[in-house]
Amino acid sequence: MAVSETARKNHDELFPGHVSTLAVTDPELIEYFDNFAFDEVLRHGNLDTRTRLMVQLAALIATQALGEYRVMLGAALTVGVTPIEAKEIVYQAVPYVGMAKVFDFIHATNAVLAERGTQLPLDGQSTTTPETRAEKGLAVQKEIVGAGRIDQMYAAAMPDEVHFQHFLSANCFGDHYTRTGIDVRTRELLTFAMLISMGGCEPQARGHVAANLNVGNDRGVLLSVITELLPFIGYPRTLNALAVINEVTKA
């Protein structure tokens, strides 16, 4: 089997002039992986290249694939993902993946950016203050998830657990979703990519399928996300994600 011309072209767009060491040591694997990931899969997805790379970076953080993340971050920057967008992807992962797992990816991102001559720190993207984060977070949370659903979540929370709802509003949404650098519609795709890639988060993924639909990412976009993540996250998590999409979008 040889690498197809389409796969070679798509690969070279991301890694111009680069020859994989695995192409030397494991040529059979690389041939059918590249044909699958950079040709066959892309025929069934319609994400633009930048968006594809952004959701793949989010998935790689969620799966703790640090080495592959560094490689794909370089590719993302090559095709036009900005340093600010790259940092926002990592920041968006903190409330979902957890700082303990994101920590090394922050340092890896900084190292790759520094290697490319980017001066750090980047311009700040926060739009809230300690005084406004809860109010603004609740507003954007209701915009994304639905006011009725959020009111129900607060009403259903026991007195000793309602602080988790406040945390979601002020921290997850107030500290993160209100940031500039990446729009809300893209942030929801990133969140969906992370949840399905971690595995075991189907209840949360179900909620964020609905949230994606609310902000304008339709079933076709979500199917493209899981299609183009498949080579990197595997079949079990992809098929679990497909089941969640089908459940939420069924007539």
C-alpha atoms as a PDB file:
ATOM      1  CA  MET A   1       0.000   0.000   0.000  1.00  0.00           C
ATOM      2  CA  ALA A   2       1.284   3.474  -0.835  1.00  0.00           C
ATOM      3  CA  VAL A   3       0.263   6.807   0.686  1.00  0.00           C
ATOM      4  CA  SER A   4      -2.338   8.365  -1.601  1.00  0.00           C
ATOM      5  CA  GLU A   5      -1.674  11.645  -3.351  1.00  0.00           C
ATOM      6  CA  THR A   6      -4.517  13.277  -1.392  1.00  0.00           C
ATOM      7  CA  ALA A   7      -3.154  12.050   1.942  1.00  0.00           C
ATOM      8  CA  ARG A   8       0.326  13.242   1.027  1.00  0.00           C
ATOM      9  CA  LYS A   9      -0.991  16.674   0.031  1.00  0.00           C
ATOM     10  CA  ASN A  10      -3.040  17.081   3.215  1.00  0.00           C
ATOM     11  CA  HIS A  11      -0.146  15.868   5.360  1.00  0.00           C
ATOM     12  CA  ASP A  12       2.320  18.208   3.660  1.00  0.00           C
ATOM     13  CA  GLU A  13      -0.005  21.143   4.275  1.00  0.00           C
ATOM     14  CA  LEU A  14       0.385  20.550   8.010  1.00  0.00           C
ATOM     15  CA  PHE A  15       4.015  19.405   8.046  1.00  0.00           C
ATOM     16  CA  PRO A  16       5.782  20.996   5.076  1.00  0.00           C
ATOM     17  CA  GLY A  17       9.117  19.347   4.357  1.00  0.00           C
ATOM     18  CA  HIS A  18       8.836  16.928   7.290  1.00  0.00           C
ATOM     19  CA  VAL A  19       9.488  13.191   6.973  1.00  0.00           C
ATOM     20  CA  SER A  20       8.116  11.165   9.885  1.00  0.00           C
ATOM     21  CA  THR A  21      10.595   8.895  11.634  1.00  0.00           C
ATOM     22  CA  LEU A  22       7.790   6.336  11.825  1.00  0.00           C
ATOM     23  CA  ALA A  23       7.633   6.342   8.046  1.00  0.00           C
ATOM     24  CA  VAL A  24      11.122   4.841   8.224  1.00  0.00           C
ATOM     25  CA  THR A  25      10.667   2.450  11.153  1.00  0.00           C
ATOM     26  CA  ASP A  26       6.973   1.572  10.731  1.00  0.00           C
ATOM     27  CA  PRO A  27       6.127   2.237   7.081  1.00  0.00           C
ATOM     28  CA  GLU A  28       3.101  -0.065   6.863  1.00  0.00           C
ATOM     29  CA  LEU A  29       1.399   1.545   9.867  1.00  0.00           C
ATOM     30  CA  ILE A  30       2.078   5.066   8.615  1.00  0.00           C
ATOM     31  CA  GLU A  31       0.838   4.241   5.130  1.00  0.00           C
ATOM     32  CA  TYR A  32      -2.581   3.081   6.198  1.00  0.00           C
ATOM     33  CA  PHE A  33      -2.856   5.592   9.053  1.00  0.00           C
ATOM     34  CA  ASP A  34      -2.057   8.519   6.760  1.00  0.00           C
ATOM     35  CA  ASN A  35      -4.420   7.244   4.088  1.00  0.00           C
ATOM     36  CA  PHE A  36      -7.147   6.955   6.697  1.00  0.00           C
ATOM     37  CA  ALA A  37      -6.548  10.145   8.729  1.00  0.00           C
ATOM     38  CA  PHE A  38      -5.498  12.482   5.935  1.00  0.00           C
ATOM     39  CA  ASP A  39      -7.638  11.199   3.064  1.00  0.00           C
ATOM     40  CA  GLU A  40     -10.525   8.837   3.790  1.00  0.00           C
ATOM     41  CA  VAL A  41     -11.700  10.508   6.995  1.00  0.00           C
ATOM     42  CA  LEU A  42     -11.511  13.999   5.522  1.00  0.00           C
ATOM     43  CA  ARG A  43     -13.853  12.982   2.712  1.00  0.00           C
ATOM     44  CA  HIS A  44     -16.604  12.536   5.325  1.00  0.00           C
ATOM     45  CA  GLY A  45     -15.972  15.651   7.404  1.00  0.00           C
ATOM     46  CA  ASN A  46     -16.526  19.265   6.453  1.00  0.00           C
ATOM     47  CA  LEU A  47     -14.603  21.205   9.080  1.00  0.00           C
ATOM     48  CA  ASP A  48     -12.226  23.790   7.699  1.00  0.00           C
ATOM     49  CA  THR A  49      -8.565  23.022   8.382  1.00  0.00           C
ATOM     50  CA  ARG A  50      -8.176  25.509  11.234  1.00  0.00           C
ATOM     51  CA  THR A  51     -11.257  24.271  13.077  1.00  0.00           C
ATOM     52  CA  ARG A  52     -10.209  20.657  12.558  1.00  0.00           C
ATOM     53  CA  LEU A  53      -6.832  21.330  14.114  1.00  0.00           C
ATOM     54  CA  MET A  54      -8.372  23.221  17.022  1.00  0.00           C
ATOM     55  CA  VAL A  55     -10.744  20.404  17.997  1.00  0.00           C
ATOM     56  CA  GLN A  56      -7.937  17.883  17.566  1.00  0.00           C
ATOM     57  CA  LEU A  57      -5.744  19.890  19.946  1.00  0.00           C
ATOM     58  CA  ALA A  58      -8.583  19.924  22.474  1.00  0.00           C
ATOM     59  CA  ALA A  59      -8.988  16.146  22.118  1.00  0.00           C
ATOM     60  CA  LEU A  60      -5.252  15.544  22.530  1.00  0.00           C
ATOM     61  CA  ILE A  61      -5.259  17.503  25.789  1.00  0.00           C
ATOM     62  CA  ALA A  62      -8.230  15.460  27.001  1.00  0.00           C
ATOM     63  CA  THR A  63      -6.494  12.184  26.141  1.00  0.00           C
ATOM     64  CA  GLN A  64      -3.195  13.353  27.672  1.00  0.00           C
ATOM     65  CA  ALA A  65      -1.302  12.822  24.406  1.00  0.00           C
ATOM     66  CA  LEU A  66       1.411  15.380  25.111  1.00  0.00           C
ATOM     67  CA  GLY A  67       3.862  14.292  22.415  1.00  0.00           C
ATOM     68  CA  GLU A  68       1.253  14.274  19.665  1.00  0.00           C
ATOM     69  CA  TYR A  69      -0.112  17.560  20.988  1.00  0.00           C
ATOM     70  CA  ARG A  70       3.226  19.291  20.461  1.00  0.00           C
ATOM     71  CA  VAL A  71       3.417  17.978  16.904  1.00  0.00           C
ATOM     72  CA  MET A  72      -0.150  18.992  16.071  1.00  0.00           C
ATOM     73  CA  LEU A  73       0.230  22.394  17.724  1.00  0.00           C
ATOM     74  CA  GLY A  74       3.044  23.104  15.287  1.00  0.00           C
ATOM     75  CA  ALA A  75       0.763  22.037  12.447  1.00  0.00           C
ATOM     76  CA  ALA A  76      -2.060  24.219  13.757  1.00  0.00           C
ATOM     77  CA  LEU A  77       0.167  27.275  13.885  1.00  0.00           C
ATOM     78  CA  THR A  78       1.378  26.478  10.364  1.00  0.00           C
ATOM     79  CA  VAL A  79      -2.174  26.574   8.945  1.00  0.00           C
ATOM     80  CA  GLY A  80      -3.127  29.811  10.673  1.00  0.00           C
ATOM     81  CA  VAL A  81      -4.303  29.042  14.200  1.00  0.00           C
ATOM     82  CA  THR A  82      -3.092  32.073  16.124  1.00  0.00           C
ATOM     83  CA  PRO A  83      -1.019  31.992  19.318  1.00  0.00           C
ATOM     84  CA  ILE A  84      -3.976  33.489  21.185  1.00  0.00           C
ATOM     85  CA  GLU A  85      -6.297  30.779  19.860  1.00  0.00           C
ATOM     86  CA  ALA A  86      -3.768  28.116  20.844  1.00  0.00           C
ATOM     87  CA  LYS A  87      -3.580  29.455  24.394  1.00  0.00           C
ATOM     88  CA  GLU A  88      -7.363  29.765  24.623  1.00  0.00           C
ATOM     89  CA  ILE A  89      -7.762  26.092  23.696  1.00  0.00           C
ATOM     90  CA  VAL A  90      -5.526  25.149  26.613  1.00  0.00           C
ATOM     91  CA  TYR A  91      -7.306  27.543  28.986  1.00  0.00           C
ATOM     92  CA  GLN A  92     -10.695  26.163  27.886  1.00  0.00           C
ATOM     93  CA  ALA A  93      -9.500  22.700  28.917  1.00  0.00           C
ATOM     94  CA  VAL A  94      -8.859  23.679  32.537  1.00  0.00           C
ATOM     95  CA  PRO A  95     -12.466  23.489  33.837  1.00  0.00           C
ATOM     96  CA  TYR A  96     -13.157  20.269  31.932  1.00  0.00           C
ATOM     97  CA  VAL A  97      -9.931  18.270  32.063  1.00  0.00           C
ATOM     98  CA  GLY A  98      -8.581  19.800  35.292  1.00  0.00           C
ATOM     99  CA  MET A  99      -5.465  21.844  35.959  1.00  0.00           C
ATOM    100  CA  ALA A 100      -3.514  18.785  37.131  1.00  0.00           C
ATOM    101  CA  LYS A 101      -3.751  17.325  33.612  1.00  0.00           C
ATOM    102  CA  VAL A 102      -3.573  20.598  31.684  1.00  0.00           C
ATOM    103  CA  PHE A 103      -0.477  21.909  33.486  1.00  0.00           C
ATOM    104  CA  ASP A 104       2.064  20.173  31.226  1.00  0.00           C
ATOM    105  CA  PHE A 105       0.162  21.272  28.114  1.00  0.00           C
ATOM    106  CA  ILE A 106       0.398  24.918  29.173  1.00  0.00           C
ATOM    107  CA  HIS A 107       4.171  24.587  29.419  1.00  0.00           C
ATOM    108  CA  ALA A 108       4.342  22.692  26.128  1.00  0.00           C
ATOM    109  CA  THR A 109       2.297  25.402  24.419  1.00  0.00           C
ATOM    110  CA  ASN A 110       4.553  28.113  25.816  1.00  0.00           C
ATOM    111  CA  ALA A 111       7.641  26.229  24.633  1.00  0.00           C
ATOM    112  CA  VAL A 112       6.310  25.775  21.083  1.00  0.00           C
ATOM    113  CA  LEU A 113       5.265  29.423  20.879  1.00  0.00           C
ATOM    114  CA  ALA A 114       8.635  30.575  22.190  1.00  0.00           C
ATOM    115  CA  GLU A 115      10.415  28.387  19.622  1.00  0.00           C
ATOM    116  CA  ARG A 116       8.463  30.236  16.944  1.00  0.00           C
ATOM    117  CA  GLY A 117       9.431  33.638  18.289  1.00  0.00           C
ATOM    118  CA  THR A 118       6.175  34.533  20.045  1.00  0.00           C
ATOM    119  CA  GLN A 119       6.646  36.952  22.927  1.00  0.00           C
ATOM    120  CA  LEU A 120       4.936  35.839  26.136  1.00  0.00           C
ATOM    121  CA  PRO A 121       2.715  36.651  27.888  1.00  0.00           C
ATOM    122  CA  LEU A 122       0.134  37.245  25.193  1.00  0.00           C
ATOM    123  CA  ASP A 123      -2.466  40.004  25.394  1.00  0.00           C
ATOM    124  CA  GLY A 124      -5.082  39.217  28.044  1.00  0.00           C
ATOM    125  CA  GLN A 125      -8.495  37.981  26.889  1.00  0.00           C
ATOM    126  CA  SER A 126     -10.464  38.164  30.138  1.00  0.00           C
ATOM    127  CA  THR A 127     -13.603  40.313  30.127  1.00  0.00           C
ATOM    128  CA  THR A 128     -14.725  39.849  33.735  1.00  0.00           C
ATOM    129  CA  THR A 129     -13.672  40.944  37.183  1.00  0.00           C
ATOM    130  CA  PRO A 130     -14.131  39.192  40.537  1.00  0.00           C
ATOM    131  CA  GLU A 131     -17.220  41.351  40.962  1.00  0.00           C
ATOM    132  CA  THR A 132     -18.806  40.572  37.571  1.00  0.00           C
ATOM    133  CA  ARG A 133     -17.758  36.996  36.811  1.00  0.00           C
ATOM    134  CA  ALA A 134     -20.779  35.359  38.472  1.00  0.00           C
ATOM    135  CA  GLU A 135     -23.352  37.599  36.803  1.00  0.00           C
ATOM    136  CA  LYS A 136     -21.731  37.485  33.360  1.00  0.00           C
ATOM    137  CA  GLY A 137     -21.057  33.779  33.657  1.00  0.00           C
ATOM    138  CA  LEU A 138     -24.670  33.017  34.515  1.00  0.00           C
ATOM    139  CA  ALA A 139     -25.821  35.116  31.563  1.00  0.00           C
ATOM    140  CA  VAL A 140     -23.622  33.302  29.031  1.00  0.00           C
ATOM    141  CA  GLN A 141     -24.455  29.951  30.633  1.00  0.00           C
ATOM    142  CA  LYS A 142     -28.169  30.621  30.097  1.00  0.00           C
ATOM    143  CA  GLU A 143     -27.471  31.765  26.540  1.00  0.00           C
ATOM    144  CA  ILE A 144     -25.627  28.546  25.727  1.00  0.00           C
ATOM    145  CA  VAL A 145     -27.513  25.944  27.750  1.00  0.00           C
ATOM    146  CA  GLY A 146     -30.928  27.584  28.008  1.00  0.00           C
ATOM    147  CA  ALA A 147     -32.360  29.727  30.791  1.00  0.00           C
ATOM    148  CA  GLY A 148     -34.992  27.182  31.737  1.00  0.00           C
ATOM    149  CA  ARG A 149     -32.482  24.366  32.057  1.00  0.00           C
ATOM    150  CA  ILE A 150     -30.149  26.432  34.252  1.00  0.00           C
ATOM    151  CA  ASP A 151     -33.015  27.558  36.489  1.00  0.00           C
ATOM    152  CA  GLN A 152     -34.009  23.898  36.880  1.00  0.00           C
ATOM    153  CA  MET A 153     -30.451  22.921  37.838  1.00  0.00           C
ATOM    154  CA  TYR A 154     -30.334  25.580  40.546  1.00  0.00           C
ATOM    155  CA  ALA A 155     -33.803  24.689  41.825  1.00  0.00           C
ATOM    156  CA  ALA A 156     -33.000  20.959  41.980  1.00  0.00           C
ATOM    157  CA  ALA A 157     -29.710  21.394  43.858  1.00  0.00           C
ATOM    158  CA  MET A 158     -29.716  20.464  47.546  1.00  0.00           C
ATOM    159  CA  PRO A 159     -28.631  23.257  49.944  1.00  0.00           C
ATOM    160  CA  ASP A 160     -25.315  21.523  50.641  1.00  0.00           C
ATOM    161  CA  GLU A 161     -24.491  21.171  46.933  1.00  0.00           C
ATOM    162  CA  VAL A 162     -25.786  24.380  45.347  1.00  0.00           C
ATOM    163  CA  HIS A 163     -22.255  25.804  45.501  1.00  0.00           C
ATOM    164  CA  PHE A 164     -21.383  23.528  42.579  1.00  0.00           C
ATOM    165  CA  GLN A 165     -23.958  25.363  40.473  1.00  0.00           C
ATOM    166  CA  HIS A 166     -22.442  28.681  41.506  1.00  0.00           C
ATOM    167  CA  PHE A 167     -18.990  27.343  40.602  1.00  0.00           C
ATOM    168  CA  LEU A 168     -20.233  26.345  37.147  1.00  0.00           C
ATOM    169  CA  SER A 169     -21.718  29.785  36.541  1.00  0.00           C
ATOM    170  CA  ALA A 170     -18.874  31.901  37.889  1.00  0.00           C
ATOM    171  CA  ASN A 171     -15.822  29.756  37.149  1.00  0.00           C
ATOM    172  CA  CYS A 172     -16.566  27.462  34.205  1.00  0.00           C
ATOM    173  CA  PHE A 173     -18.625  30.022  32.326  1.00  0.00           C
ATOM    174  CA  GLY A 174     -17.696  33.338  33.953  1.00  0.00           C
ATOM    175  CA  ASP A 175     -13.940  32.835  33.929  1.00  0.00           C
ATOM    176  CA  HIS A 176     -13.710  30.943  30.629  1.00  0.00           C
ATOM    177  CA  TYR A 177     -16.641  31.305  28.220  1.00  0.00           C
ATOM    178  CA  THR A 178     -16.658  35.086  28.566  1.00  0.00           C
ATOM    179  CA  ARG A 179     -13.084  35.344  27.302  1.00  0.00           C
ATOM    180  CA  THR A 180     -12.294  36.749  23.883  1.00  0.00           C
ATOM    181  CA  GLY A 181      -9.867  35.130  21.440  1.00  0.00           C
ATOM    182  CA  ILE A 182     -12.257  32.309  20.495  1.00  0.00           C
ATOM    183  CA  ASP A 183     -15.995  32.758  19.983  1.00  0.00           C
ATOM    184  CA  VAL A 184     -18.639  30.891  21.960  1.00  0.00           C
ATOM    185  CA  ARG A 185     -19.594  28.674  19.031  1.00  0.00           C
ATOM    186  CA  THR A 186     -16.018  27.395  18.703  1.00  0.00           C
ATOM    187  CA  ARG A 187     -15.631  27.033  22.466  1.00  0.00           C
ATOM    188  CA  GLU A 188     -18.620  24.713  22.503  1.00  0.00           C
ATOM    189  CA  LEU A 189     -17.025  22.542  19.808  1.00  0.00           C
ATOM    190  CA  LEU A 190     -13.830  22.408  21.874  1.00  0.00           C
ATOM    191  CA  THR A 191     -15.771  21.408  24.986  1.00  0.00           C
ATOM    192  CA  PHE A 192     -17.632  18.695  23.081  1.00  0.00           C
ATOM    193  CA  ALA A 193     -14.339  17.385  21.661  1.00  0.00           C
ATOM    194  CA  MET A 194     -12.811  17.205  25.138  1.00  0.00           C
ATOM    195  CA  LEU A 195     -15.787  15.482  26.745  1.00  0.00           C
ATOM    196  CA  ILE A 196     -16.056  12.742  24.137  1.00  0.00           C
ATOM    197  CA  SER A 197     -12.294  12.228  24.116  1.00  0.00           C
ATOM    198  CA  MET A 198     -11.997  11.750  27.888  1.00  0.00           C
ATOM    199  CA  GLY A 199     -14.547   8.955  27.929  1.00  0.00           C
ATOM    200  CA  GLY A 200     -17.022   8.351  30.756  1.00  0.00           C
ATOM    201  CA  CYS A 201     -18.493  11.843  30.297  1.00  0.00           C
ATOM    202  CA  GLU A 202     -21.551  10.886  28.283  1.00  0.00           C
ATOM    203  CA  PRO A 203     -24.023  12.775  30.554  1.00  0.00           C
ATOM    204  CA  GLN A 204     -21.991  15.957  30.135  1.00  0.00           C
ATOM    205  CA  ALA A 205     -21.455  15.295  26.415  1.00  0.00           C
ATOM    206  CA  ARG A 206     -25.205  14.927  26.015  1.00  0.00           C
ATOM    207  CA  GLY A 207     -25.727  18.357  27.557  1.00  0.00           C
ATOM    208  CA  HIS A 208     -23.096  19.889  25.315  1.00  0.00           C
ATOM    209  CA  VAL A 209     -24.578  18.354  22.175  1.00  0.00           C
ATOM    210  CA  ALA A 210     -27.718  20.307  23.057  1.00  0.00           C
ATOM    211  CA  ALA A 211     -25.618  23.384  23.833  1.00  0.00           C
ATOM    212  CA  ASN A 212     -23.859  23.121  20.472  1.00  0.00           C
ATOM    213  CA  LEU A 213     -27.208  22.996  18.735  1.00  0.00           C
ATOM    214  CA  ASN A 214     -28.282  26.085  20.689  1.00  0.00           C
ATOM    215  CA  VAL A 215     -25.279  28.112  19.503  1.00  0.00           C
ATOM    216  CA  GLY A 216     -25.534  27.056  15.847  1.00  0.00           C
ATOM    217  CA  ASN A 217     -23.408  23.903  15.519  1.00  0.00           C
ATOM    218  CA  ASP A 218     -25.806  21.471  13.877  1.00  0.00           C
ATOM    219  CA  ARG A 219     -25.764  17.660  13.725  1.00  0.00           C
ATOM    220  CA  GLY A 220     -23.620  17.741  10.589  1.00  0.00           C
ATOM    221  CA  VAL A 221     -20.928  19.787  12.316  1.00  0.00           C
ATOM    222  CA  LEU A 222     -20.901  17.465  15.329  1.00  0.00           C
ATOM    223  CA  LEU A 223     -20.671  14.409  13.079  1.00  0.00           C
ATOM    224  CA  SER A 224     -17.729  16.051  11.327  1.00  0.00           C
ATOM    225  CA  VAL A 225     -16.023  16.599  14.687  1.00  0.00           C
ATOM    226  CA  ILE A 226     -16.252  12.956  15.728  1.00  0.00           C
ATOM    227  CA  THR A 227     -15.344  11.771  12.230  1.00  0.00           C
ATOM    228  CA  GLU A 228     -12.181  13.851  12.147  1.00  0.00           C
ATOM    229  CA  LEU A 229     -11.251  12.918  15.726  1.00  0.00           C
ATOM    230  CA  LEU A 230     -11.714   9.183  15.131  1.00  0.00           C
ATOM    231  CA  PRO A 231      -8.099   8.418  14.099  1.00  0.00           C
ATOM    232  CA  PHE A 232      -6.860  10.102  17.283  1.00  0.00           C
ATOM    233  CA  ILE A 233      -9.362   8.926  19.931  1.00  0.00           C
ATOM    234  CA  GLY A 234     -10.314   5.469  18.584  1.00  0.00           C
ATOM    235  CA  TYR A 235     -13.570   3.715  17.812  1.00  0.00           C
ATOM    236  CA  PRO A 236     -15.068   3.104  21.298  1.00  0.00           C
ATOM    237  CA  ARG A 237     -15.145   6.785  22.265  1.00  0.00           C
ATOM    238  CA  THR A 238     -16.195   7.820  18.764  1.00  0.00           C
ATOM    239  CA  LEU A 239     -19.117   5.380  18.740  1.00  0.00           C
ATOM    240  CA  ASN A 240     -20.134   6.490  22.247  1.00  0.00           C
ATOM    241  CA  ALA A 241     -20.138  10.063  20.959  1.00  0.00           C
ATOM    242  CA  LEU A 242     -22.223   9.032  17.951  1.00  0.00           C
ATOM    243  CA  ALA A 243     -24.782   7.426  20.273  1.00  0.00           C
ATOM    244  CA  VAL A 244     -25.019  10.649  22.284  1.00  0.00           C
ATOM    245  CA  ILE A 245     -25.466  12.756  19.152  1.00  0.00           C
ATOM    246  CA  ASN A 246     -28.176  10.398  17.887  1.00  0.00           C
ATOM    247  CA  GLU A 247     -29.970  10.455  21.220  1.00  0.00           C
ATOM    248  CA  VAL A 248     -30.093  14.244  21.405  1.00  0.00           C
ATOM    249  CA  THR A 249     -30.844  14.928  17.741  1.00  0.00           C
ATOM    250  CA  LYS A 250     -33.422  12.178  17.131  1.00  0.00           C
ATOM    251  CA  ALA A 251     -36.749  13.392  15.781  1.00  0.00           C
END
